[in-house]
Amino acid sequence: MPTKRTAAQTRKALRKKLIRLAHDNPSKRAEIMPVVAKLAGKMPPELLDKFKGKGDKDDDKKDKKAAKNEDEKMYAKGYRFKITFDGGKPSPLFIKTKGQAAGVQKDHGKGKVTPITGKKAGDKMPPELLDKFEGKDDKKDDDKKGKKAAKNEDEKMYAKGYRFKITFDGGKPSPLFIKTKGQAAGVQKDHGKGKVTPITGKKASVNKQAVKPETEDFVQWVLSTQAPLSPNEVKSFVSRQLGVKTSPKVTRRTGTRFQRGDSVEIALKKHKSKKFDASNYSRFNGKIGTVTELDGSMDILVSFKGEPAPVRFPGAQSSRGVGIGKYSKPYVVEGSAKIEMIYIAGGSSSSDAKIVVDAYMARGRPMETRSASYYTGHVVFAAEGGKGWYFRGFPQQRMSVGGDAGFQARTFNPAVGKVLYIGIFNSRPSKWKAELKKLEDAATDQD
């Protein structure tokens, strides 16, 4: 006669069968294991409820309470809204005013904006406070602060000797300060067209360079007595006396438009091509990143600060129609101390250059003699070129026809032309007047 099992033995045997059944049927484990636990008789009721799924409701309550506590903490810090994004990441993102949502969503994608107090601001809220919640006041305040900051920056740069600034299309680099309006031509050649405005709000007259009789005499002395300086002598003066460093000869880069390590800026408004998807151009509009990979012949991968992985930009290697370009950090065009120079140009001049020189000569007053070889201004650049060493400046004697365009950039090459004299403005050789008088006296005696 078989031995009768006790209740404990029966539960133990049943547990073994259920455990084997759960092992063989993974999809049913969620149903079987709570029963096994109950048969063991050692699991607390609340834990057994957890196995059965009843505890999930308690977790929901805890989650809601935690979310409410977080809302209250953020409310105390001045935040009034939160955005829950599609996919839940980042979630939630707290903002102080509802008006901020547009800018946040532009970077992160669309999301649901809700008040963190659970109450919507409505008619009972004072109008000025409602404007604050909607972000209207923020825009006014930001505009005022932006204008004030720009004005302060202008004043600081004006005190350093800068008189104009250039704001480029797309706003980068913006603003770039220059000392003379004529410098804009060279700068815009490298960076693209931009708007040139005086930083004081007043236009300065650029047509006041009258040649004094003493200057006319000085030019006559130089032309009569001075031999051309060698390129090395001029280079030494520019580097040592003016502090303008010589840039190495520029070599044209070969290969694709963008290469690894290039800094790039996304500009959606320049994306005209319908051939290449514009979603990432829109998402990262205005952002600056670094090229990390070249994918195929047309696509590139760009890394952005704060992004977990590089972002693909279809068709970026195309030379036209895509909203991406190389980015250069903003900089200030530095100029040397003001110089005075007698330079006889070599080679042939373009028709435009001749018009500028003729216009300068014609602006002379009735009793004023102007020399096409006389220059004053600031040296801003020096480099090795295909025809040897050269330097560039914005001479006050080379103003664009029409007046408003300012001084034109001018390149001087002592290996092509002849530099008869170069020196710091108002620091002429001490004996030049005496030497000129001797020459004039000798000429009078011969007559």
Protein backbone atom coordinates (compact mmCIF):
# COMPACT_ATOMS: atom_id res chain seq x y z
CA MET A 1 0.00 0.00 0.00
CA PRO A 2 1.60 3.29 -1.11
CA THR A 3 2.55 5.75 1.57
CA LYS A 4 0.25 8.73 1.79
CA ARG A 5 2.00 12.06 1.02
CA THR A 6 1.88 14.92 3.36
CA ALA A 7 0.69 18.31 2.17
CA ALA A 8 4.26 19.58 2.19
CA GLN A 9 5.43 16.67 0.06
CA THR A 10 2.62 17.24 -2.40
CA ARG A 11 3.51 20.94 -2.76
CA LYS A 12 7.18 20.03 -3.25
CA ALA A 13 6.40 17.50 -5.98
CA LEU A 14 4.09 19.93 -7.71
CA ARG A 15 6.72 22.64 -7.56
CA LYS A 16 9.24 20.35 -9.31
CA LYS A 17 6.79 19.62 -12.11
CA LEU A 18 5.92 23.28 -12.55
CA ILE A 19 9.58 24.31 -12.56
CA ARG A 20 10.32 21.76 -15.31
CA LEU A 21 7.25 22.96 -17.21
CA ALA A 22 8.45 26.58 -16.92
CA HIS A 23 11.90 25.52 -18.11
CA ASP A 24 10.48 23.85 -21.19
CA ASN A 25 8.00 26.67 -21.95
CA PRO A 26 9.71 30.06 -21.62
CA SER A 27 6.62 31.89 -22.87
CA LYS A 28 4.58 30.62 -19.88
CA ARG A 29 7.12 31.35 -17.16
CA ALA A 30 5.40 34.59 -16.16
CA GLU A 31 2.25 32.58 -15.35
CA ILE A 32 3.93 29.55 -13.78
CA MET A 33 6.59 31.07 -11.52
CA PRO A 34 4.16 33.02 -9.27
CA VAL A 35 2.36 29.70 -8.62
CA VAL A 36 5.68 28.02 -7.81
CA ALA A 37 6.47 30.84 -5.42
CA LYS A 38 3.08 30.52 -3.75
CA LEU A 39 3.55 26.76 -3.31
CA ALA A 40 6.86 27.50 -1.59
CA GLY A 41 4.89 29.48 0.95
CA LYS A 42 7.79 31.77 1.72
CA MET A 43 7.13 34.73 -0.58
CA PRO A 44 5.61 37.85 1.02
CA PRO A 45 2.15 38.72 -0.36
CA GLU A 46 3.34 42.04 -1.86
CA LEU A 47 6.18 40.25 -3.69
CA LEU A 48 3.80 37.55 -4.86
CA ASP A 49 1.57 40.36 -6.20
CA LYS A 50 4.58 41.69 -8.02
CA PHE A 51 5.06 38.33 -9.74
CA LYS A 52 1.42 38.32 -10.73
CA GLY A 53 1.64 41.87 -12.06
CA LYS A 54 -0.54 43.45 -9.37
CA GLY A 55 2.42 45.45 -8.03
CA ASP A 56 2.72 47.35 -11.30
CA LYS A 57 -0.11 49.61 -10.21
CA ASP A 58 1.82 50.54 -7.10
CA ASP A 59 4.84 51.33 -9.26
CA ASP A 60 2.68 53.58 -11.42
CA LYS A 61 1.64 55.46 -8.29
CA LYS A 62 5.25 55.79 -7.18
CA ASP A 63 6.32 56.97 -10.65
CA LYS A 64 3.58 59.60 -10.71
CA LYS A 65 4.50 60.76 -7.22
CA ALA A 66 8.19 60.96 -8.19
CA ALA A 67 7.30 62.90 -11.34
CA LYS A 68 5.14 65.26 -9.28
CA ASN A 69 7.97 65.79 -6.80
CA GLU A 70 10.37 66.50 -9.66
CA ASP A 71 7.88 68.98 -11.14
CA GLU A 72 7.62 70.76 -7.78
CA LYS A 73 11.39 70.97 -7.45
CA MET A 74 11.77 72.39 -10.95
CA TYR A 75 8.85 74.80 -10.36
CA ALA A 76 10.67 76.12 -7.28
CA LYS A 77 13.69 76.82 -9.53
CA GLY A 78 11.60 78.94 -11.88
CA TYR A 79 10.64 76.36 -14.51
CA ARG A 80 6.99 76.36 -15.59
CA PHE A 81 6.71 73.90 -18.50
CA LYS A 82 8.16 70.60 -19.63
CA ILE A 83 8.50 68.99 -23.05
CA THR A 84 8.03 65.26 -23.57
CA PHE A 85 9.61 64.31 -26.89
CA ASP A 86 8.61 61.58 -29.31
CA GLY A 87 10.31 58.40 -28.15
CA GLY A 88 10.66 59.79 -24.65
CA LYS A 89 14.25 61.06 -25.06
CA PRO A 90 15.24 63.47 -23.65
CA SER A 91 12.24 63.29 -21.32
CA PRO A 92 11.15 65.43 -19.72
CA LEU A 93 13.02 68.61 -20.65
CA PHE A 94 12.08 71.57 -18.44
CA ILE A 95 11.78 75.11 -19.77
CA LYS A 96 11.06 78.41 -18.04
CA THR A 97 8.70 79.90 -20.61
CA LYS A 98 6.43 78.31 -23.14
CA GLY A 99 7.93 80.52 -25.83
CA GLN A 100 11.25 78.74 -25.47
CA ALA A 101 9.73 75.54 -26.82
CA ALA A 102 10.14 76.57 -30.47
CA GLY A 103 13.91 76.86 -30.22
CA VAL A 104 14.22 73.66 -28.18
CA GLN A 105 12.02 71.68 -30.54
CA LYS A 106 14.02 72.98 -33.49
CA ASP A 107 17.08 71.18 -32.11
CA HIS A 108 15.45 68.09 -30.59
CA GLY A 109 12.37 67.43 -32.69
CA LYS A 110 8.67 67.89 -31.93
CA GLY A 111 7.40 67.22 -28.43
CA LYS A 112 4.38 67.76 -26.18
CA VAL A 113 4.53 70.93 -24.04
CA THR A 114 2.63 70.80 -20.72
CA PRO A 115 2.55 73.06 -17.64
CA ILE A 116 4.36 71.34 -14.77
CA THR A 117 1.79 72.57 -12.23
CA GLY A 118 -1.04 70.83 -14.04
CA LYS A 119 -2.82 74.10 -14.59
CA LYS A 120 -2.94 76.12 -17.77
CA ALA A 121 -2.19 79.84 -17.60
CA GLY A 122 -5.32 81.66 -18.72
CA ASP A 123 -7.42 84.76 -18.28
CA LYS A 124 -6.77 84.96 -14.53
CA MET A 125 -3.06 85.54 -15.12
CA PRO A 126 -1.99 89.20 -15.47
CA PRO A 127 -1.30 90.07 -19.15
CA GLU A 128 2.36 90.94 -18.52
CA LEU A 129 2.91 87.59 -16.78
CA LEU A 130 1.06 85.75 -19.54
CA ASP A 131 3.38 87.42 -22.08
CA LYS A 132 6.29 86.15 -20.04
CA PHE A 133 4.93 82.61 -20.13
CA GLU A 134 4.36 82.79 -23.86
CA GLY A 135 7.91 84.05 -24.42
CA LYS A 136 6.93 87.48 -25.78
CA ASP A 137 8.78 89.37 -23.07
CA ASP A 138 11.82 87.17 -23.55
CA LYS A 139 12.11 88.25 -27.16
CA LYS A 140 11.85 91.94 -26.21
CA ASP A 141 14.39 91.57 -23.40
CA ASP A 142 16.75 89.51 -25.54
CA ASP A 143 16.57 92.06 -28.36
CA LYS A 144 17.39 94.90 -25.95
CA LYS A 145 20.26 92.96 -24.36
CA GLY A 146 21.58 91.95 -27.78
CA LYS A 147 21.56 95.54 -29.06
CA LYS A 148 23.20 96.81 -25.87
CA ALA A 149 25.90 94.13 -26.00
CA ALA A 150 26.56 94.91 -29.69
CA LYS A 151 26.82 98.61 -28.90
CA ASN A 152 29.27 97.96 -26.06
CA GLU A 153 31.36 95.71 -28.29
CA ASP A 154 31.38 98.40 -31.00
CA GLU A 155 32.58 101.00 -28.49
CA LYS A 156 35.39 98.74 -27.27
CA MET A 157 36.58 98.03 -30.80
CA TYR A 158 36.30 101.71 -31.76
CA ALA A 159 38.60 102.56 -28.82
CA LYS A 160 41.14 100.11 -30.29
CA GLY A 161 41.14 101.93 -33.62
CA TYR A 162 38.56 99.91 -35.58
CA ARG A 163 35.97 101.90 -37.48
CA PHE A 164 33.85 99.42 -39.46
CA LYS A 165 32.42 95.93 -39.13
CA ILE A 166 31.27 93.36 -41.67
CA THR A 167 28.26 91.12 -41.13
CA PHE A 168 28.38 88.20 -43.56
CA ASP A 169 25.54 86.30 -45.16
CA GLY A 170 24.48 83.61 -42.72
CA GLY A 171 25.88 85.59 -39.80
CA LYS A 172 29.28 83.83 -39.68
CA PRO A 173 31.81 85.14 -38.91
CA SER A 174 29.83 88.00 -37.42
CA PRO A 175 30.78 90.67 -36.83
CA LEU A 176 34.31 91.05 -38.19
CA PHE A 177 35.92 94.38 -37.33
CA ILE A 178 38.19 96.28 -39.72
CA LYS A 179 40.14 99.50 -39.36
CA THR A 180 39.39 101.00 -42.76
CA LYS A 181 36.37 100.47 -44.97
CA GLY A 182 38.65 99.65 -47.89
CA GLN A 183 39.81 96.48 -46.13
CA ALA A 184 36.41 94.99 -46.83
CA ALA A 185 37.34 94.11 -50.42
CA GLY A 186 40.12 91.74 -49.42
CA VAL A 187 38.16 90.25 -46.53
CA GLN A 188 35.04 89.67 -48.62
CA LYS A 189 37.15 88.01 -51.27
CA ASP A 190 38.00 85.28 -48.73
CA HIS A 191 34.70 85.07 -46.84
CA GLY A 192 31.99 86.06 -49.30
CA LYS A 193 29.90 89.20 -49.55
CA GLY A 194 28.83 90.96 -46.38
CA LYS A 195 27.31 94.21 -45.17
CA VAL A 196 29.85 96.88 -44.16
CA THR A 197 28.65 99.38 -41.55
CA PRO A 198 30.44 102.08 -39.50
CA ILE A 199 30.56 101.00 -35.85
CA THR A 200 29.90 104.55 -34.63
CA GLY A 201 26.80 104.94 -36.76
CA LYS A 202 28.38 107.80 -38.69
CA LYS A 203 30.13 107.66 -42.03
CA ALA A 204 33.62 109.14 -42.09
CA SER A 205 34.76 111.10 -45.12
CA VAL A 206 37.42 109.24 -47.06
CA ASN A 207 38.29 112.10 -49.39
CA LYS A 208 40.36 114.34 -47.12
CA GLN A 209 43.88 113.22 -48.01
CA ALA A 210 45.32 116.49 -49.27
CA VAL A 211 49.00 116.38 -50.28
CA LYS A 212 50.89 119.14 -48.50
CA PRO A 213 53.65 121.06 -50.29
CA GLU A 214 56.20 119.49 -47.96
CA THR A 215 55.08 116.03 -49.06
CA GLU A 216 55.44 117.07 -52.69
CA ASP A 217 59.02 118.12 -51.91
CA PHE A 218 59.71 114.85 -50.11
CA VAL A 219 58.51 112.82 -53.09
CA GLN A 220 60.77 114.89 -55.35
CA TRP A 221 63.74 114.21 -53.05
CA VAL A 222 63.09 110.45 -53.03
CA LEU A 223 62.69 110.23 -56.81
CA SER A 224 65.88 112.27 -57.31
CA THR A 225 68.18 110.60 -54.80
CA GLN A 226 67.06 107.13 -53.69
CA ALA A 227 67.95 103.81 -55.33
CA PRO A 228 65.41 100.96 -55.22
CA LEU A 229 65.48 98.84 -52.06
CA SER A 230 66.07 95.11 -52.45
CA PRO A 231 63.20 92.71 -51.72
CA ASN A 232 65.07 91.48 -48.61
CA GLU A 233 65.42 95.04 -47.29
CA VAL A 234 61.71 95.71 -47.70
CA LYS A 235 60.84 92.32 -46.18
CA SER A 236 63.06 93.04 -43.18
CA PHE A 237 61.35 96.40 -42.59
CA VAL A 238 57.84 94.92 -42.82
CA SER A 239 58.63 92.04 -40.48
CA ARG A 240 60.88 93.80 -37.94
CA GLN A 241 59.64 97.37 -37.90
CA LEU A 242 55.96 96.69 -38.59
CA GLY A 243 55.66 93.27 -36.98
CA VAL A 244 53.81 91.72 -39.93
CA LYS A 245 54.70 88.03 -40.23
CA THR A 246 55.18 86.41 -43.62
CA SER A 247 52.66 83.69 -44.43
CA PRO A 248 53.90 80.60 -46.30
CA LYS A 249 53.08 80.11 -49.95
CA VAL A 250 49.56 78.77 -50.30
CA THR A 251 49.28 75.40 -52.05
CA ARG A 252 45.96 74.41 -53.54
CA ARG A 253 44.46 71.42 -51.78
CA THR A 254 43.56 68.47 -53.96
CA GLY A 255 40.84 65.92 -53.46
CA THR A 256 37.22 66.20 -52.36
CA ARG A 257 35.49 69.38 -51.26
CA PHE A 258 35.45 68.30 -47.60
CA GLN A 259 38.06 66.15 -45.90
CA ARG A 260 38.45 64.64 -42.43
CA GLY A 261 39.02 67.28 -39.79
CA ASP A 262 37.37 70.14 -41.71
CA SER A 263 35.12 72.46 -39.70
CA VAL A 264 31.76 72.94 -41.40
CA GLU A 265 28.62 74.99 -40.83
CA ILE A 266 25.09 73.96 -41.78
CA ALA A 267 23.00 76.57 -43.61
CA LEU A 268 19.55 75.32 -44.59
CA LYS A 269 18.71 78.41 -46.67
CA LYS A 270 21.48 77.45 -49.11
CA HIS A 271 20.08 73.94 -49.59
CA LYS A 272 18.35 74.17 -52.97
CA SER A 273 18.91 70.67 -54.32
CA LYS A 274 15.87 68.39 -54.32
CA LYS A 275 18.14 65.45 -55.10
CA PHE A 276 19.51 65.24 -51.55
CA ASP A 277 17.38 64.82 -48.42
CA ALA A 278 17.24 68.05 -46.39
CA SER A 279 16.08 66.64 -43.02
CA ASN A 280 19.50 66.72 -41.33
CA TYR A 281 20.26 70.09 -42.90
CA SER A 282 17.07 71.38 -41.28
CA ARG A 283 17.68 69.68 -37.94
CA PHE A 284 21.21 71.04 -37.56
CA ASN A 285 20.70 74.40 -39.25
CA GLY A 286 23.21 76.95 -37.93
CA LYS A 287 25.30 74.31 -36.15
CA ILE A 288 29.07 73.99 -36.50
CA GLY A 289 30.67 70.54 -36.57
CA THR A 290 33.71 68.53 -37.65
CA VAL A 291 33.93 66.10 -40.58
CA THR A 292 34.78 62.63 -39.23
CA GLU A 293 34.22 60.36 -42.24
CA LEU A 294 33.74 60.49 -46.03
CA ASP A 295 31.03 58.04 -47.07
CA GLY A 296 31.04 57.26 -50.74
CA SER A 297 31.64 59.97 -53.30
CA MET A 298 29.01 62.47 -52.10
CA ASP A 299 28.08 61.93 -48.42
CA ILE A 300 29.99 62.93 -45.28
CA LEU A 301 29.58 62.24 -41.55
CA VAL A 302 29.79 65.22 -39.20
CA SER A 303 30.14 65.18 -35.42
CA PHE A 304 28.43 67.86 -33.32
CA LYS A 305 28.96 68.74 -29.69
CA GLY A 306 26.32 67.03 -27.57
CA GLU A 307 25.40 64.47 -30.24
CA PRO A 308 26.15 60.81 -29.39
CA ALA A 309 27.13 59.86 -32.94
CA PRO A 310 28.20 61.54 -36.21
CA VAL A 311 25.38 62.71 -38.51
CA ARG A 312 25.17 61.93 -42.22
CA PHE A 313 24.73 64.77 -44.72
CA PRO A 314 23.69 63.47 -48.15
CA GLY A 315 25.33 65.13 -51.15
CA ALA A 316 27.58 67.38 -49.03
CA GLN A 317 30.49 66.96 -51.45
CA SER A 318 28.45 68.58 -54.21
CA SER A 319 29.84 72.00 -55.08
CA ARG A 320 26.39 73.57 -55.47
CA GLY A 321 22.90 73.39 -54.03
CA VAL A 322 23.64 71.86 -50.62
CA GLY A 323 23.31 73.65 -47.29
CA ILE A 324 26.79 73.13 -45.92
CA GLY A 325 30.02 75.09 -46.17
CA LYS A 326 33.46 75.39 -44.62
CA TYR A 327 33.61 77.31 -41.37
CA SER A 328 36.38 79.69 -40.31
CA LYS A 329 36.54 81.17 -36.84
CA PRO A 330 35.84 84.91 -36.59
CA TYR A 331 38.96 87.03 -36.55
CA VAL A 332 40.04 90.66 -36.55
CA VAL A 333 42.04 92.09 -39.45
CA GLU A 334 45.07 93.63 -37.77
CA GLY A 335 46.95 96.48 -39.40
CA SER A 336 50.50 97.71 -38.94
CA ALA A 337 51.62 101.16 -37.87
CA LYS A 338 50.89 103.72 -40.58
CA ILE A 339 53.58 103.85 -43.25
CA GLU A 340 54.71 106.23 -45.96
CA MET A 341 56.10 104.77 -49.19
CA ILE A 342 57.29 105.73 -52.65
CA TYR A 343 56.64 102.78 -54.97
CA ILE A 344 56.93 102.66 -58.75
CA ALA A 345 54.76 99.86 -60.05
CA GLY A 346 56.20 97.29 -62.42
CA GLY A 347 54.54 95.19 -65.10
CA SER A 348 51.26 96.14 -66.74
CA SER A 349 48.25 97.59 -64.91
CA SER A 350 44.65 96.60 -65.46
CA SER A 351 42.18 99.11 -66.87
CA ASP A 352 40.36 99.20 -63.52
CA ALA A 353 43.59 100.01 -61.67
CA LYS A 354 44.33 102.85 -64.10
CA ILE A 355 40.85 104.31 -63.52
CA VAL A 356 41.41 104.29 -59.74
CA VAL A 357 44.79 106.05 -60.11
CA ASP A 358 43.37 108.62 -62.53
CA ALA A 359 40.53 109.31 -60.10
CA TYR A 360 43.03 109.87 -57.28
CA MET A 361 45.07 112.29 -59.40
CA ALA A 362 41.92 114.14 -60.47
CA ARG A 363 40.77 114.67 -56.89
CA GLY A 364 43.80 116.86 -56.25
CA ARG A 365 43.08 120.49 -55.45
CA PRO A 366 44.06 123.23 -57.95
CA MET A 367 47.31 124.07 -56.11
CA GLU A 368 48.09 120.43 -55.21
CA THR A 369 50.42 118.07 -57.09
CA ARG A 370 49.70 114.41 -56.52
CA SER A 371 52.14 111.62 -57.30
CA ALA A 372 50.91 108.22 -58.47
CA SER A 373 53.91 106.68 -56.68
CA TYR A 374 53.13 108.07 -53.22
CA TYR A 375 51.31 105.86 -50.68
CA THR A 376 50.30 106.03 -47.04
CA GLY A 377 48.31 103.48 -45.05
CA HIS A 378 48.60 100.24 -43.11
CA VAL A 379 50.18 96.92 -44.07
CA VAL A 380 47.87 94.02 -43.19
CA PHE A 381 49.43 90.96 -44.83
CA ALA A 382 52.68 89.55 -46.24
CA ALA A 383 53.36 86.25 -47.97
CA GLU A 384 55.50 84.28 -50.38
CA GLY A 385 53.94 84.12 -53.84
CA GLY A 386 54.62 82.84 -57.31
CA LYS A 387 56.62 85.99 -58.17
CA GLY A 388 58.42 86.23 -54.84
CA TRP A 389 57.67 87.94 -51.54
CA TYR A 390 54.92 90.59 -51.48
CA PHE A 391 52.83 92.56 -49.00
CA ARG A 392 49.33 94.01 -49.03
CA GLY A 393 47.81 97.18 -47.65
CA PHE A 394 44.93 99.63 -48.04
CA PRO A 395 46.58 102.87 -49.20
CA GLN A 396 44.61 106.03 -48.61
CA GLN A 397 45.49 107.13 -52.16
CA ARG A 398 43.52 104.27 -53.75
CA MET A 399 39.84 104.92 -53.15
CA SER A 400 37.24 103.10 -55.22
CA VAL A 401 35.45 105.16 -57.85
CA GLY A 402 32.12 106.17 -56.34
CA GLY A 403 33.49 106.94 -52.91
CA ASP A 404 31.28 104.81 -50.70
CA ALA A 405 33.22 101.59 -51.30
CA GLY A 406 36.24 102.91 -49.34
CA PHE A 407 39.93 102.18 -49.87
CA GLN A 408 40.97 99.41 -52.21
CA ALA A 409 43.38 96.64 -51.32
CA ARG A 410 46.73 97.01 -53.09
CA THR A 411 49.54 94.46 -53.40
CA PHE A 412 53.19 95.56 -53.58
CA ASN A 413 55.99 93.32 -54.84
CA PRO A 414 59.53 94.78 -54.56
CA ALA A 415 60.79 92.16 -57.02
CA VAL A 416 58.39 93.39 -59.73
CA GLY A 417 58.08 97.10 -58.89
CA LYS A 418 60.56 99.48 -57.23
CA VAL A 419 60.33 100.52 -53.59
CA LEU A 420 62.37 103.75 -53.43
CA TYR A 421 61.40 104.57 -49.87
CA ILE A 422 59.39 102.97 -47.04
CA GLY A 423 59.19 104.21 -43.47
CA ILE A 424 56.95 104.95 -40.50
CA PHE A 425 54.59 107.86 -41.19
CA ASN A 426 55.88 111.19 -39.77
CA SER A 427 59.39 109.73 -39.33
CA ARG A 428 61.21 110.90 -42.45
CA PRO A 429 65.03 111.02 -42.62
CA SER A 430 66.30 114.10 -40.79
CA LYS A 431 68.56 115.42 -43.61
CA TRP A 432 66.21 115.12 -46.59
CA LYS A 433 65.32 118.85 -46.67
CA ALA A 434 68.96 119.91 -46.63
CA GLU A 435 69.82 117.48 -49.43
CA LEU A 436 66.89 118.65 -51.54
CA LYS A 437 67.95 122.30 -51.07
CA LYS A 438 71.46 121.46 -52.31
CA LEU A 439 69.96 119.83 -55.40
CA GLU A 440 67.75 122.86 -56.07
CA ASP A 441 70.65 125.25 -55.50
CA ALA A 442 72.82 123.26 -57.87
CA ALA A 443 70.11 123.31 -60.51
CA THR A 444 69.74 127.10 -60.08
CA ASP A 445 73.52 127.64 -60.46
CA GLN A 446 73.49 125.65 -63.71
CA ASP A 447 70.69 127.81 -65.07
